[in-house]
């Protein structure tokens, strides 16, 4: 078990993106149940180590991540700003995340303005992608979020997005307590 745990941990460590348990099981030629149990143990061990990193389930896979309390110092060290999107970009990616798959026309109707610029930026940053065409006249593209979207927004799946009511509560709180 310890050898398997070390192998799984090493694979997660070296992976640039979240690695799925099925990928690990296939690569190591191990039973998926054994891999899943090993992953549970590793997540718990890294959570309780009292250091700055953890193993977290993100975008349907597992990845080493820095604990939230160290985020600011890393940003300062790397001298980078956090991932920034314009208000239009955030609106569009939020609409796509909640309504996917969705066409540009449907997005424009919700926002009341043309969204082509925001859509192009989101595609360029690989947060959304074209997943097909809608079966209607003109065959408009259907947009959906990507796994990178899940990573950037620290979500395990699209189902982890807050509900619309939660967004409303957040906006009311921001209006009451502007910084």
N, C-alpha and C. Protein backbone atom coordinates (compact mmCIF):
# COMPACT_ATOMS: atom_id res chain seq x y z
N UNK A 1 0.82 -1.20 0.00
CA UNK A 1 0.00 0.00 0.00
C UNK A 1 0.86 1.26 0.00
N UNK A 2 1.94 1.26 0.80
CA UNK A 2 2.80 2.43 0.88
C UNK A 2 3.48 2.70 -0.46
N UNK A 3 3.87 1.64 -1.17
CA UNK A 3 4.49 1.81 -2.49
C UNK A 3 3.47 2.40 -3.47
N UNK A 4 2.24 1.90 -3.44
CA UNK A 4 1.19 2.42 -4.31
C UNK A 4 0.92 3.89 -3.98
N UNK A 5 0.85 4.21 -2.70
CA UNK A 5 0.61 5.59 -2.27
C UNK A 5 1.71 6.51 -2.78
N UNK A 6 2.95 6.08 -2.68
CA UNK A 6 4.07 6.89 -3.17
C UNK A 6 4.02 7.08 -4.68
N UNK A 7 3.62 6.05 -5.41
CA UNK A 7 3.52 6.16 -6.86
C UNK A 7 2.41 7.14 -7.26
N UNK A 8 1.27 7.02 -6.62
CA UNK A 8 0.14 7.91 -6.92
C UNK A 8 0.53 9.35 -6.60
N UNK A 9 1.15 9.55 -5.46
CA UNK A 9 1.58 10.88 -5.04
C UNK A 9 2.57 11.47 -6.05
N UNK A 10 3.51 10.67 -6.52
CA UNK A 10 4.50 11.13 -7.50
C UNK A 10 3.84 11.52 -8.82
N UNK A 11 2.86 10.75 -9.25
CA UNK A 11 2.15 11.07 -10.50
C UNK A 11 1.41 12.40 -10.37
N UNK A 12 0.74 12.59 -9.24
CA UNK A 12 0.03 13.86 -9.02
C UNK A 12 1.02 15.01 -8.97
N UNK A 13 2.14 14.80 -8.31
CA UNK A 13 3.15 15.85 -8.17
C UNK A 13 3.69 16.31 -9.51
N UNK A 14 3.93 15.40 -10.41
CA UNK A 14 4.56 15.73 -11.70
C UNK A 14 3.56 16.25 -12.74
N UNK A 15 2.28 16.02 -12.51
CA UNK A 15 1.26 16.40 -13.49
C UNK A 15 1.03 17.91 -13.49
N UNK A 16 1.00 18.49 -14.69
CA UNK A 16 0.77 19.93 -14.83
C UNK A 16 -0.70 20.29 -14.66
N UNK A 17 -1.57 19.34 -14.89
CA UNK A 17 -3.01 19.59 -14.75
C UNK A 17 -3.60 18.47 -13.89
N UNK A 18 -4.82 18.67 -13.39
CA UNK A 18 -5.42 17.63 -12.54
C UNK A 18 -5.45 16.27 -13.25
N UNK A 19 -5.03 15.25 -12.55
CA UNK A 19 -4.98 13.90 -13.11
C UNK A 19 -6.13 13.08 -12.52
N UNK A 20 -6.86 12.43 -13.38
CA UNK A 20 -8.05 11.66 -12.98
C UNK A 20 -7.63 10.30 -12.41
N UNK A 21 -8.44 9.82 -11.47
CA UNK A 21 -8.13 8.54 -10.83
C UNK A 21 -8.07 7.41 -11.85
N UNK A 22 -8.94 7.46 -12.85
CA UNK A 22 -8.95 6.42 -13.88
C UNK A 22 -7.64 6.42 -14.68
N UNK A 23 -7.10 7.61 -14.95
CA UNK A 23 -5.81 7.70 -15.64
C UNK A 23 -4.71 7.05 -14.82
N UNK A 24 -4.71 7.33 -13.51
CA UNK A 24 -3.70 6.75 -12.62
C UNK A 24 -3.85 5.24 -12.59
N UNK A 25 -5.08 4.76 -12.44
CA UNK A 25 -5.33 3.32 -12.39
C UNK A 25 -4.86 2.64 -13.67
N UNK A 26 -5.19 3.23 -14.82
CA UNK A 26 -4.77 2.65 -16.10
C UNK A 26 -3.25 2.64 -16.23
N UNK A 27 -2.61 3.76 -15.87
CA UNK A 27 -1.16 3.84 -16.00
C UNK A 27 -0.44 2.84 -15.10
N UNK A 28 -0.91 2.72 -13.87
CA UNK A 28 -0.27 1.81 -12.90
C UNK A 28 -0.79 0.38 -12.99
N UNK A 29 -1.78 0.17 -13.86
CA UNK A 29 -2.41 -1.14 -14.01
C UNK A 29 -2.91 -1.63 -12.65
N UNK A 30 -3.64 -0.75 -11.98
CA UNK A 30 -4.19 -1.03 -10.65
C UNK A 30 -5.71 -0.95 -10.70
N UNK A 31 -6.34 -1.56 -9.72
CA UNK A 31 -7.79 -1.52 -9.56
C UNK A 31 -8.21 -0.09 -9.20
N UNK A 32 -9.26 0.42 -9.82
CA UNK A 32 -9.74 1.78 -9.58
C UNK A 32 -10.14 1.99 -8.12
N UNK A 33 -10.69 0.94 -7.48
CA UNK A 33 -11.07 1.07 -6.07
C UNK A 33 -9.84 1.31 -5.19
N UNK A 34 -8.75 0.61 -5.48
CA UNK A 34 -7.51 0.79 -4.72
C UNK A 34 -6.96 2.19 -4.93
N UNK A 35 -7.04 2.69 -6.15
CA UNK A 35 -6.56 4.05 -6.46
C UNK A 35 -7.42 5.07 -5.73
N UNK A 36 -8.74 4.92 -5.78
CA UNK A 36 -9.63 5.86 -5.11
C UNK A 36 -9.40 5.88 -3.60
N UNK A 37 -9.19 4.71 -3.01
CA UNK A 37 -8.91 4.64 -1.58
C UNK A 37 -7.57 5.31 -1.26
N UNK A 38 -6.58 5.08 -2.09
CA UNK A 38 -5.27 5.71 -1.93
C UNK A 38 -5.39 7.23 -2.04
N UNK A 39 -6.18 7.69 -3.00
CA UNK A 39 -6.38 9.14 -3.17
C UNK A 39 -7.04 9.76 -1.94
N UNK A 40 -8.02 9.08 -1.37
CA UNK A 40 -8.68 9.58 -0.15
C UNK A 40 -7.65 9.74 0.98
N UNK A 41 -6.80 8.73 1.12
CA UNK A 41 -5.77 8.76 2.17
C UNK A 41 -4.80 9.91 1.92
N UNK A 42 -4.35 10.06 0.67
CA UNK A 42 -3.40 11.13 0.35
C UNK A 42 -4.00 12.52 0.58
N UNK A 43 -5.24 12.72 0.15
CA UNK A 43 -5.90 14.02 0.34
C UNK A 43 -5.94 14.35 1.83
N UNK A 44 -6.33 13.38 2.64
CA UNK A 44 -6.44 13.60 4.09
C UNK A 44 -5.06 13.84 4.71
N UNK A 45 -4.05 13.06 4.32
CA UNK A 45 -2.70 13.23 4.87
C UNK A 45 -2.16 14.61 4.56
N UNK A 46 -2.29 15.04 3.31
CA UNK A 46 -1.76 16.35 2.91
C UNK A 46 -2.55 17.48 3.56
N UNK A 47 -3.81 17.26 3.82
CA UNK A 47 -4.64 18.28 4.48
C UNK A 47 -4.16 18.49 5.91
N UNK A 48 -3.72 17.41 6.56
CA UNK A 48 -3.36 17.46 7.98
C UNK A 48 -1.86 17.66 8.24
N UNK A 49 -1.06 17.84 7.22
CA UNK A 49 0.38 17.97 7.40
C UNK A 49 0.82 19.30 8.00
N UNK A 50 -0.03 20.31 7.93
CA UNK A 50 0.35 21.60 8.49
C UNK A 50 1.36 22.35 7.65
N UNK A 51 1.38 22.08 6.35
CA UNK A 51 2.29 22.81 5.48
C UNK A 51 1.49 23.69 4.51
N UNK A 52 2.13 24.21 3.52
CA UNK A 52 1.49 25.19 2.63
C UNK A 52 0.81 24.58 1.41
N UNK A 53 0.93 23.30 1.20
CA UNK A 53 0.32 22.68 0.02
C UNK A 53 -0.59 21.53 0.41
N UNK A 54 -1.45 21.18 -0.52
CA UNK A 54 -2.41 20.11 -0.29
C UNK A 54 -2.67 19.41 -1.62
N UNK A 55 -3.27 18.23 -1.56
CA UNK A 55 -3.79 17.58 -2.77
C UNK A 55 -5.27 17.85 -2.76
N UNK A 56 -5.77 18.37 -3.90
CA UNK A 56 -7.17 18.76 -3.97
C UNK A 56 -7.80 18.16 -5.22
N UNK A 57 -9.07 17.80 -5.10
CA UNK A 57 -9.83 17.32 -6.25
C UNK A 57 -10.35 18.54 -7.00
N UNK A 58 -9.88 18.71 -8.22
CA UNK A 58 -10.22 19.86 -9.06
C UNK A 58 -10.50 19.36 -10.47
N UNK A 59 -11.55 19.87 -11.09
CA UNK A 59 -11.88 19.56 -12.49
C UNK A 59 -11.94 18.06 -12.74
N UNK A 60 -12.42 17.29 -11.76
CA UNK A 60 -12.57 15.86 -11.91
C UNK A 60 -11.29 15.07 -11.73
N UNK A 61 -10.20 15.74 -11.36
CA UNK A 61 -8.93 15.08 -11.15
C UNK A 61 -8.29 15.57 -9.86
N UNK A 62 -7.03 15.18 -9.64
CA UNK A 62 -6.33 15.54 -8.42
C UNK A 62 -5.06 16.30 -8.77
N UNK A 63 -4.75 17.30 -7.94
CA UNK A 63 -3.62 18.16 -8.21
C UNK A 63 -3.09 18.72 -6.90
N UNK A 64 -1.76 18.92 -6.84
CA UNK A 64 -1.19 19.64 -5.72
C UNK A 64 -1.54 21.10 -5.89
N UNK A 65 -2.01 21.73 -4.82
CA UNK A 65 -2.40 23.14 -4.85
C UNK A 65 -1.87 23.81 -3.59
N UNK A 66 -1.62 25.09 -3.70
CA UNK A 66 -1.22 25.88 -2.54
C UNK A 66 -2.46 26.18 -1.71
N UNK A 67 -2.32 26.10 -0.40
CA UNK A 67 -3.44 26.44 0.48
C UNK A 67 -3.74 27.93 0.34
N UNK A 68 -5.02 28.27 0.49
CA UNK A 68 -5.50 29.64 0.28
C UNK A 68 -4.71 30.69 1.07
N UNK A 69 -4.33 30.37 2.30
CA UNK A 69 -3.66 31.38 3.13
C UNK A 69 -2.29 31.80 2.60
N UNK A 70 -1.75 31.09 1.61
CA UNK A 70 -0.45 31.43 1.04
C UNK A 70 -0.56 32.06 -0.35
N UNK A 71 -1.78 32.25 -0.81
CA UNK A 71 -2.02 32.78 -2.16
C UNK A 71 -1.37 34.16 -2.37
N UNK A 72 -1.58 35.07 -1.43
CA UNK A 72 -1.07 36.44 -1.58
C UNK A 72 0.44 36.49 -1.67
N UNK A 73 1.13 35.75 -0.83
CA UNK A 73 2.59 35.78 -0.86
C UNK A 73 3.14 35.21 -2.16
N UNK A 74 2.46 34.20 -2.69
CA UNK A 74 2.91 33.64 -3.97
C UNK A 74 2.69 34.61 -5.11
N UNK A 75 1.57 35.31 -5.08
CA UNK A 75 1.31 36.33 -6.11
C UNK A 75 2.40 37.40 -6.04
N UNK A 76 2.71 37.82 -4.84
CA UNK A 76 3.75 38.83 -4.66
C UNK A 76 5.10 38.29 -5.13
N UNK A 77 5.43 37.06 -4.78
CA UNK A 77 6.71 36.46 -5.15
C UNK A 77 6.86 36.34 -6.66
N UNK A 78 5.83 35.88 -7.31
CA UNK A 78 5.89 35.69 -8.75
C UNK A 78 5.70 37.03 -9.48
N UNK A 79 5.23 38.03 -8.72
CA UNK A 79 4.98 39.36 -9.26
C UNK A 79 3.97 39.33 -10.39
N UNK A 80 2.94 38.54 -10.17
CA UNK A 80 1.85 38.44 -11.13
C UNK A 80 0.59 38.92 -10.46
N UNK A 81 -0.32 39.39 -11.27
CA UNK A 81 -1.64 39.73 -10.76
C UNK A 81 -2.51 38.49 -10.90
N UNK A 82 -3.55 38.38 -10.04
CA UNK A 82 -4.44 37.24 -10.19
C UNK A 82 -5.11 37.26 -11.57
N UNK A 83 -5.60 36.12 -11.96
CA UNK A 83 -6.29 35.98 -13.25
C UNK A 83 -7.41 37.01 -13.32
N UNK A 84 -7.32 37.96 -14.26
CA UNK A 84 -8.30 39.04 -14.34
C UNK A 84 -9.13 38.90 -15.60
N UNK A 85 -10.41 39.18 -15.45
CA UNK A 85 -11.33 39.27 -16.58
C UNK A 85 -12.10 40.56 -16.45
N UNK A 86 -12.47 41.14 -17.57
CA UNK A 86 -13.31 42.33 -17.54
C UNK A 86 -14.68 41.97 -17.00
N UNK A 87 -15.45 42.98 -16.66
CA UNK A 87 -16.82 42.74 -16.19
C UNK A 87 -17.61 41.99 -17.26
N UNK A 88 -17.44 42.40 -18.53
CA UNK A 88 -18.15 41.72 -19.63
C UNK A 88 -17.71 40.26 -19.72
N UNK A 89 -16.41 40.01 -19.57
CA UNK A 89 -15.91 38.64 -19.61
C UNK A 89 -16.48 37.80 -18.50
N UNK A 90 -16.55 38.36 -17.29
CA UNK A 90 -17.14 37.64 -16.17
C UNK A 90 -18.62 37.36 -16.39
N UNK A 91 -19.34 38.35 -16.93
CA UNK A 91 -20.76 38.16 -17.21
C UNK A 91 -20.95 37.02 -18.21
N UNK A 92 -20.18 37.07 -19.29
CA UNK A 92 -20.34 36.08 -20.36
C UNK A 92 -19.96 34.69 -19.87
N UNK A 93 -18.83 34.56 -19.18
CA UNK A 93 -18.43 33.22 -18.71
C UNK A 93 -19.42 32.71 -17.67
N UNK A 94 -19.99 33.60 -16.86
CA UNK A 94 -21.01 33.19 -15.90
C UNK A 94 -22.27 32.68 -16.57
N UNK A 95 -22.70 33.39 -17.61
CA UNK A 95 -23.88 32.97 -18.37
C UNK A 95 -23.63 31.62 -19.03
N UNK A 96 -22.46 31.48 -19.65
CA UNK A 96 -22.14 30.22 -20.33
C UNK A 96 -22.09 29.08 -19.31
N UNK A 97 -21.45 29.33 -18.16
CA UNK A 97 -21.33 28.28 -17.14
C UNK A 97 -22.70 27.81 -16.66
N UNK A 98 -23.63 28.74 -16.48
CA UNK A 98 -24.94 28.39 -15.97
C UNK A 98 -25.87 27.81 -17.03
N UNK A 99 -25.76 28.25 -18.29
CA UNK A 99 -26.73 27.89 -19.32
C UNK A 99 -26.18 26.93 -20.37
N UNK A 100 -24.94 26.52 -20.26
CA UNK A 100 -24.30 25.73 -21.32
C UNK A 100 -25.05 24.45 -21.66
N UNK A 101 -25.00 24.05 -22.93
CA UNK A 101 -24.42 24.79 -24.07
C UNK A 101 -25.35 25.92 -24.49
N UNK A 102 -24.75 27.02 -24.97
CA UNK A 102 -25.51 28.22 -25.30
C UNK A 102 -24.89 28.90 -26.52
N UNK A 103 -25.73 29.57 -27.30
CA UNK A 103 -25.25 30.28 -28.50
C UNK A 103 -24.94 31.73 -28.16
N UNK A 104 -24.21 32.39 -29.03
CA UNK A 104 -23.90 33.81 -28.87
C UNK A 104 -25.18 34.63 -28.86
N UNK A 105 -26.12 34.31 -29.72
CA UNK A 105 -27.38 35.05 -29.78
C UNK A 105 -28.11 34.97 -28.44
N UNK A 106 -28.12 33.79 -27.83
CA UNK A 106 -28.77 33.63 -26.52
C UNK A 106 -28.04 34.43 -25.44
N UNK A 107 -26.71 34.44 -25.50
CA UNK A 107 -25.91 35.23 -24.55
C UNK A 107 -26.23 36.71 -24.71
N UNK A 108 -26.23 37.18 -25.98
CA UNK A 108 -26.52 38.59 -26.27
C UNK A 108 -27.91 38.98 -25.76
N UNK A 109 -28.87 38.08 -25.91
CA UNK A 109 -30.24 38.36 -25.48
C UNK A 109 -30.28 38.53 -23.95
N UNK A 110 -29.56 37.70 -23.23
CA UNK A 110 -29.52 37.79 -21.77
C UNK A 110 -28.84 39.09 -21.33
N UNK A 111 -27.72 39.42 -21.98
CA UNK A 111 -26.95 40.61 -21.59
C UNK A 111 -27.52 41.91 -22.15
N UNK A 112 -28.20 41.83 -23.29
CA UNK A 112 -28.74 43.02 -23.92
C UNK A 112 -27.72 43.78 -24.75
N UNK A 113 -26.52 43.21 -24.93
CA UNK A 113 -25.48 43.82 -25.76
C UNK A 113 -24.72 42.73 -26.50
N UNK A 114 -23.96 43.13 -27.51
CA UNK A 114 -23.16 42.19 -28.29
C UNK A 114 -22.01 41.65 -27.43
N UNK A 115 -21.77 40.37 -27.50
CA UNK A 115 -20.77 39.71 -26.64
C UNK A 115 -19.59 39.15 -27.41
N UNK A 116 -19.44 39.50 -28.67
CA UNK A 116 -18.41 38.88 -29.50
C UNK A 116 -17.00 39.11 -28.93
N UNK A 117 -16.72 40.31 -28.43
CA UNK A 117 -15.39 40.59 -27.89
C UNK A 117 -15.08 39.73 -26.68
N UNK A 118 -16.01 39.67 -25.75
CA UNK A 118 -15.81 38.87 -24.54
C UNK A 118 -15.67 37.39 -24.88
N UNK A 119 -16.49 36.91 -25.81
CA UNK A 119 -16.42 35.51 -26.22
C UNK A 119 -15.05 35.20 -26.82
N UNK A 120 -14.54 36.09 -27.67
CA UNK A 120 -13.22 35.87 -28.28
C UNK A 120 -12.11 35.82 -27.24
N UNK A 121 -12.16 36.71 -26.24
CA UNK A 121 -11.16 36.70 -25.17
C UNK A 121 -11.25 35.40 -24.37
N UNK A 122 -12.47 34.98 -24.05
CA UNK A 122 -12.64 33.74 -23.27
C UNK A 122 -12.16 32.51 -24.04
N UNK A 123 -12.38 32.50 -25.35
CA UNK A 123 -11.86 31.40 -26.18
C UNK A 123 -10.34 31.44 -26.20
N UNK A 124 -9.78 32.63 -26.38
CA UNK A 124 -8.32 32.80 -26.42
C UNK A 124 -7.67 32.34 -25.12
N UNK A 125 -8.33 32.62 -24.00
CA UNK A 125 -7.81 32.20 -22.69
C UNK A 125 -8.18 30.77 -22.34
N UNK A 126 -8.88 30.11 -23.26
CA UNK A 126 -9.26 28.70 -23.13
C UNK A 126 -10.18 28.44 -21.94
N UNK A 127 -11.02 29.43 -21.59
CA UNK A 127 -12.00 29.25 -20.53
C UNK A 127 -13.32 28.72 -21.08
N UNK A 128 -13.57 28.99 -22.37
CA UNK A 128 -14.74 28.44 -23.06
C UNK A 128 -14.28 27.86 -24.38
N UNK A 129 -15.17 27.04 -24.98
CA UNK A 129 -14.85 26.45 -26.27
C UNK A 129 -16.14 26.21 -27.05
N UNK A 130 -15.97 26.08 -28.36
CA UNK A 130 -17.09 25.72 -29.22
C UNK A 130 -17.23 24.20 -29.15
N UNK A 131 -18.44 23.74 -28.81
CA UNK A 131 -18.62 22.29 -28.69
C UNK A 131 -19.52 21.71 -29.77
N UNK A 132 -19.96 22.57 -30.70
CA UNK A 132 -20.82 22.11 -31.77
C UNK A 132 -21.64 23.24 -32.33
N UNK A 133 -22.68 22.87 -33.05
CA UNK A 133 -23.58 23.84 -33.65
C UNK A 133 -25.00 23.49 -33.26
N UNK A 134 -25.82 24.52 -33.03
CA UNK A 134 -27.22 24.30 -32.68
C UNK A 134 -27.98 23.92 -33.95
N UNK A 135 -28.88 22.97 -33.83
CA UNK A 135 -29.64 22.47 -34.99
C UNK A 135 -30.83 23.39 -35.29
N UNK A 136 -30.50 24.62 -35.71
CA UNK A 136 -31.50 25.62 -36.11
C UNK A 136 -30.95 26.32 -37.35
N UNK A 137 -31.79 27.06 -38.07
CA UNK A 137 -31.27 27.77 -39.24
C UNK A 137 -30.08 28.66 -38.87
N UNK A 138 -29.07 28.65 -39.72
CA UNK A 138 -27.85 29.40 -39.47
C UNK A 138 -26.81 28.63 -38.70
N UNK A 139 -27.22 27.55 -38.04
CA UNK A 139 -26.34 26.66 -37.28
C UNK A 139 -25.31 27.42 -36.42
N UNK A 140 -25.81 28.24 -35.46
CA UNK A 140 -24.87 29.00 -34.62
C UNK A 140 -24.07 28.07 -33.71
N UNK A 141 -22.86 28.52 -33.39
CA UNK A 141 -21.99 27.76 -32.50
C UNK A 141 -22.59 27.65 -31.11
N UNK A 142 -22.33 26.51 -30.47
CA UNK A 142 -22.69 26.29 -29.07
C UNK A 142 -21.42 26.40 -28.23
N UNK A 143 -21.49 27.20 -27.18
CA UNK A 143 -20.35 27.44 -26.30
C UNK A 143 -20.54 26.73 -24.97
N UNK A 144 -19.42 26.27 -24.42
CA UNK A 144 -19.41 25.59 -23.13
C UNK A 144 -18.11 25.94 -22.42
N UNK A 145 -18.08 25.78 -21.10
CA UNK A 145 -16.84 26.02 -20.36
C UNK A 145 -15.88 24.84 -20.53
N UNK A 146 -14.62 25.07 -20.21
CA UNK A 146 -13.57 24.05 -20.34
C UNK A 146 -13.12 23.55 -18.97
N UNK A 147 -12.27 22.56 -18.97
CA UNK A 147 -11.67 22.10 -17.71
C UNK A 147 -10.79 23.18 -17.10
N UNK A 148 -10.15 24.00 -17.96
CA UNK A 148 -9.34 25.11 -17.44
C UNK A 148 -10.22 26.08 -16.66
N UNK A 149 -11.45 26.31 -17.11
CA UNK A 149 -12.40 27.14 -16.37
C UNK A 149 -12.56 26.60 -14.95
N UNK A 150 -12.76 25.28 -14.83
CA UNK A 150 -12.91 24.67 -13.51
C UNK A 150 -11.66 24.90 -12.66
N UNK A 151 -10.49 24.75 -13.28
CA UNK A 151 -9.24 24.97 -12.57
C UNK A 151 -9.10 26.40 -12.08
N UNK A 152 -9.31 27.36 -12.99
CA UNK A 152 -9.13 28.77 -12.67
C UNK A 152 -10.07 29.21 -11.56
N UNK A 153 -11.30 28.70 -11.57
CA UNK A 153 -12.29 29.09 -10.58
C UNK A 153 -12.37 28.09 -9.41
N UNK A 154 -11.38 27.17 -9.33
CA UNK A 154 -11.28 26.20 -8.23
C UNK A 154 -12.57 25.42 -8.00
N UNK A 155 -13.11 24.87 -9.07
CA UNK A 155 -14.32 24.07 -9.01
C UNK A 155 -13.98 22.63 -9.38
N UNK A 156 -14.62 21.69 -8.73
CA UNK A 156 -14.42 20.29 -9.10
C UNK A 156 -15.28 19.93 -10.30
N UNK A 157 -16.49 20.47 -10.34
CA UNK A 157 -17.36 20.25 -11.49
C UNK A 157 -18.24 21.47 -11.68
N UNK A 158 -18.90 21.55 -12.79
CA UNK A 158 -19.78 22.67 -13.09
C UNK A 158 -20.93 22.72 -12.10
N UNK A 159 -21.24 21.60 -11.48
CA UNK A 159 -22.33 21.54 -10.50
C UNK A 159 -21.97 22.24 -9.19
N UNK A 160 -20.68 22.58 -9.00
CA UNK A 160 -20.25 23.29 -7.80
C UNK A 160 -20.49 24.80 -7.88
N UNK A 161 -20.96 25.28 -9.05
CA UNK A 161 -21.27 26.71 -9.17
C UNK A 161 -22.39 27.08 -8.22
N UNK A 162 -22.31 28.25 -7.61
CA UNK A 162 -23.42 28.66 -6.74
C UNK A 162 -24.68 28.88 -7.55
N UNK A 163 -25.83 28.70 -6.90
CA UNK A 163 -27.11 28.94 -7.56
C UNK A 163 -27.33 30.42 -7.79
N UNK A 164 -28.28 30.74 -8.62
CA UNK A 164 -28.59 32.13 -8.92
C UNK A 164 -28.92 32.90 -7.64
N UNK A 165 -29.66 32.29 -6.71
CA UNK A 165 -30.01 32.96 -5.46
C UNK A 165 -28.75 33.36 -4.70
N UNK A 166 -27.73 32.50 -4.73
CA UNK A 166 -26.49 32.81 -4.04
C UNK A 166 -25.81 34.02 -4.66
N UNK A 167 -25.89 34.16 -5.99
CA UNK A 167 -25.34 35.33 -6.65
C UNK A 167 -26.09 36.57 -6.20
N UNK A 168 -27.42 36.49 -6.12
CA UNK A 168 -28.23 37.62 -5.69
C UNK A 168 -27.86 38.04 -4.27
N UNK A 169 -27.70 37.06 -3.37
CA UNK A 169 -27.32 37.36 -1.99
C UNK A 169 -25.95 38.03 -1.94
N UNK A 170 -25.02 37.56 -2.75
CA UNK A 170 -23.68 38.14 -2.79
C UNK A 170 -23.74 39.59 -3.26
N UNK A 171 -24.50 39.86 -4.33
CA UNK A 171 -24.60 41.23 -4.86
C UNK A 171 -25.23 42.15 -3.83
N UNK A 172 -26.25 41.70 -3.08
CA UNK A 172 -26.87 42.52 -2.04
C UNK A 172 -25.85 42.84 -0.95
N UNK A 173 -25.03 41.85 -0.57
CA UNK A 173 -24.02 42.05 0.47
C UNK A 173 -22.96 43.05 0.01
N UNK A 174 -22.55 42.98 -1.25
CA UNK A 174 -21.55 43.90 -1.80
C UNK A 174 -22.13 45.32 -1.81
N UNK A 175 -23.41 45.46 -2.20
CA UNK A 175 -24.05 46.77 -2.24
C UNK A 175 -24.11 47.39 -0.84
N UNK A 176 -24.36 46.55 0.20
CA UNK A 176 -24.44 47.03 1.57
C UNK A 176 -23.08 47.43 2.13
N UNK A 177 -22.04 46.67 1.72
CA UNK A 177 -20.69 46.86 2.28
C UNK A 177 -19.66 47.12 1.19
N UNK A 178 -19.76 48.22 0.45
CA UNK A 178 -18.75 48.46 -0.59
C UNK A 178 -17.41 48.76 0.08
N UNK A 179 -16.33 48.26 -0.52
CA UNK A 179 -14.98 48.46 0.06
C UNK A 179 -14.43 49.81 -0.21
